Amino acid sequence: MKLLKCSSLLLLVLTISALFSSCKKDKGRDHVTLPGTWKLTETWGSIGDGTGNWAKAPESPEVKLIITQNGEVSGDVLTEVQRITVVDESHLQVQLKESAGGGQPVTFMYTLSGNTLEIQGVCWEGCRYRFIKVK
């Protein structure tokens, strides 16, 4: 009987150990979300011919983009944007303010990796912005 209890206990411990060791952290998904305060770090400049380069944003004063939980946009960059809605893992639906044309939403491309956000607007010059999340 004692051998049966020890075997049952050993089997239980091995089962629990297997369950815990089989659980792995999902490394494929970033857990940073779009809402928050983002500091502009770089901007892409081009003359519209497909070539261009990244230029560092000024350190002072900091240029920030603030996105609320409901997608409202404020701050010192993308000032013509009223609201941002995430469409999928690479596209944003952008609603412009009335003063900037309002009307139909525009689709921007974006990447979110770690605490870095890159947004590519719709412009001939290939305008892009890089941000880091500050809160």
Protein backbone atom coordinates (compact mmCIF):
# COMPACT_ATOMS: atom_id res chain seq x y z
CA MET A 1 0.00 0.00 0.00
CA LYS A 2 2.85 2.34 0.91
CA LEU A 3 4.48 1.62 -2.46
CA LEU A 4 1.23 2.52 -4.24
CA LYS A 5 1.01 5.87 -2.40
CA CYS A 6 4.64 6.71 -3.20
CA SER A 7 4.13 5.77 -6.85
CA SER A 8 0.97 7.87 -7.05
CA LEU A 9 2.72 10.83 -5.44
CA LEU A 10 5.70 10.48 -7.78
CA LEU A 11 3.35 10.30 -10.78
CA LEU A 12 1.53 13.44 -9.61
CA VAL A 13 4.82 15.37 -9.14
CA LEU A 14 6.07 14.30 -12.59
CA THR A 15 2.77 15.34 -14.21
CA ILE A 16 2.83 18.77 -12.57
CA SER A 17 6.50 19.21 -13.52
CA ALA A 18 5.74 18.33 -17.14
CA LEU A 19 2.88 20.83 -17.24
CA PHE A 20 5.03 23.68 -15.91
CA SER A 21 8.02 22.89 -18.10
CA SER A 22 5.88 22.70 -21.24
CA CYS A 23 4.56 26.26 -20.73
CA LYS A 24 6.71 28.74 -22.61
CA LYS A 25 6.52 32.47 -22.92
CA ASP A 26 5.15 33.58 -26.28
CA LYS A 27 8.14 35.33 -27.86
CA GLY A 28 6.32 35.96 -31.13
CA ARG A 29 4.09 38.79 -29.88
CA ASP A 30 5.08 42.13 -28.50
CA HIS A 31 2.98 43.22 -25.58
CA VAL A 32 3.47 46.94 -26.17
CA THR A 33 0.27 48.61 -27.32
CA LEU A 34 -0.31 51.68 -29.45
CA PRO A 35 -2.00 53.88 -26.80
CA GLY A 36 0.51 55.91 -24.80
CA THR A 37 3.08 58.65 -25.19
CA TRP A 38 5.66 58.23 -27.95
CA LYS A 39 8.83 60.30 -28.41
CA LEU A 40 9.89 61.02 -32.01
CA THR A 41 13.44 59.74 -32.57
CA GLU A 42 13.88 59.85 -36.36
CA THR A 43 12.18 61.01 -39.55
CA TRP A 44 12.63 59.71 -43.10
CA GLY A 45 13.36 62.28 -45.75
CA SER A 46 13.31 61.81 -49.52
CA ILE A 47 12.78 63.83 -52.68
CA GLY A 48 10.26 61.27 -53.91
CA ASP A 49 12.55 59.12 -56.04
CA GLY A 50 12.69 56.16 -53.63
CA THR A 51 15.99 57.15 -52.08
CA GLY A 52 16.29 58.89 -48.77
CA ASN A 53 17.64 58.56 -45.28
CA TRP A 54 16.76 58.71 -41.61
CA ALA A 55 17.50 61.92 -39.74
CA LYS A 56 17.64 62.17 -35.96
CA ALA A 57 14.88 64.19 -34.34
CA PRO A 58 16.02 67.05 -32.11
CA GLU A 59 16.53 66.08 -28.47
CA SER A 60 15.19 69.38 -27.21
CA PRO A 61 12.42 70.14 -27.23
CA GLU A 62 11.13 66.56 -27.34
CA VAL A 63 8.55 65.93 -30.04
CA LYS A 64 5.80 63.63 -28.80
CA LEU A 65 2.82 61.76 -30.17
CA ILE A 66 0.07 60.91 -27.67
CA ILE A 67 -2.49 58.23 -28.49
CA THR A 68 -5.35 57.62 -26.05
CA GLN A 69 -7.10 54.29 -25.45
CA ASN A 70 -9.90 55.32 -27.81
CA GLY A 71 -7.43 56.36 -30.55
CA GLU A 72 -7.56 60.15 -30.12
CA VAL A 73 -4.28 61.76 -31.23
CA SER A 74 -2.51 64.82 -29.82
CA GLY A 75 1.04 66.08 -29.47
CA ASP A 76 3.63 67.77 -31.66
CA VAL A 77 3.69 65.38 -34.64
CA LEU A 78 0.90 64.15 -36.94
CA THR A 79 -0.99 67.25 -35.86
CA GLU A 80 -3.47 66.88 -38.75
CA VAL A 81 -4.60 63.47 -37.41
CA GLN A 82 -7.66 63.29 -35.17
CA ARG A 83 -7.95 59.55 -34.55
CA ILE A 84 -6.02 56.34 -35.24
CA THR A 85 -7.62 52.90 -35.39
CA VAL A 86 -5.58 49.70 -35.70
CA VAL A 87 -6.79 47.70 -38.71
CA ASP A 88 -4.35 44.79 -38.46
CA GLU A 89 -0.69 44.11 -37.59
CA SER A 90 0.60 46.48 -40.28
CA HIS A 91 -2.16 49.00 -41.11
CA LEU A 92 -3.75 51.93 -39.33
CA GLN A 93 -6.93 53.72 -40.30
CA VAL A 94 -6.32 57.45 -39.83
CA GLN A 95 -9.09 60.02 -39.56
CA LEU A 96 -7.91 63.53 -40.37
CA LYS A 97 -9.20 66.60 -38.58
CA GLU A 98 -11.81 68.68 -40.43
CA SER A 99 -9.25 71.46 -40.86
CA ALA A 100 -6.95 68.99 -42.66
CA GLY A 101 -9.57 67.63 -45.03
CA GLY A 102 -11.57 65.30 -42.76
CA GLY A 103 -13.70 63.07 -44.97
CA GLN A 104 -12.69 59.51 -45.78
CA PRO A 105 -10.16 57.77 -43.51
CA VAL A 106 -6.65 57.23 -44.87
CA THR A 107 -4.62 54.04 -44.43
CA PHE A 108 -1.10 54.32 -42.98
CA MET A 109 1.35 51.46 -42.59
CA TYR A 110 3.03 50.82 -39.26
CA THR A 111 5.32 48.44 -37.41
CA LEU A 112 5.43 47.96 -33.66
CA SER A 113 8.43 46.11 -32.33
CA GLY A 114 9.35 46.20 -28.66
CA ASN A 115 9.01 49.81 -27.61
CA THR A 116 9.64 51.16 -31.14
CA LEU A 117 6.83 52.38 -33.38
CA GLU A 118 7.32 53.28 -37.05
CA ILE A 119 4.52 54.98 -38.96
CA GLN A 120 4.55 55.50 -42.74
CA GLY A 121 2.12 58.10 -43.98
CA VAL A 122 0.72 58.66 -47.42
CA CYS A 123 2.97 61.12 -49.23
CA TRP A 124 5.00 61.15 -52.41
CA GLU A 125 8.24 61.60 -50.49
CA GLY A 126 7.73 58.41 -48.46
CA CYS A 127 7.29 60.16 -45.10
CA ARG A 128 8.02 57.91 -42.14
CA TYR A 129 8.40 58.51 -38.43
CA ARG A 130 10.12 56.46 -35.72
CA PHE A 131 9.12 56.72 -32.08
CA ILE A 132 10.02 55.12 -28.78
CA LYS A 133 7.41 54.63 -26.09
CA VAL A 134 8.02 56.81 -23.05
CA LYS A 135 4.84 55.92 -21.10
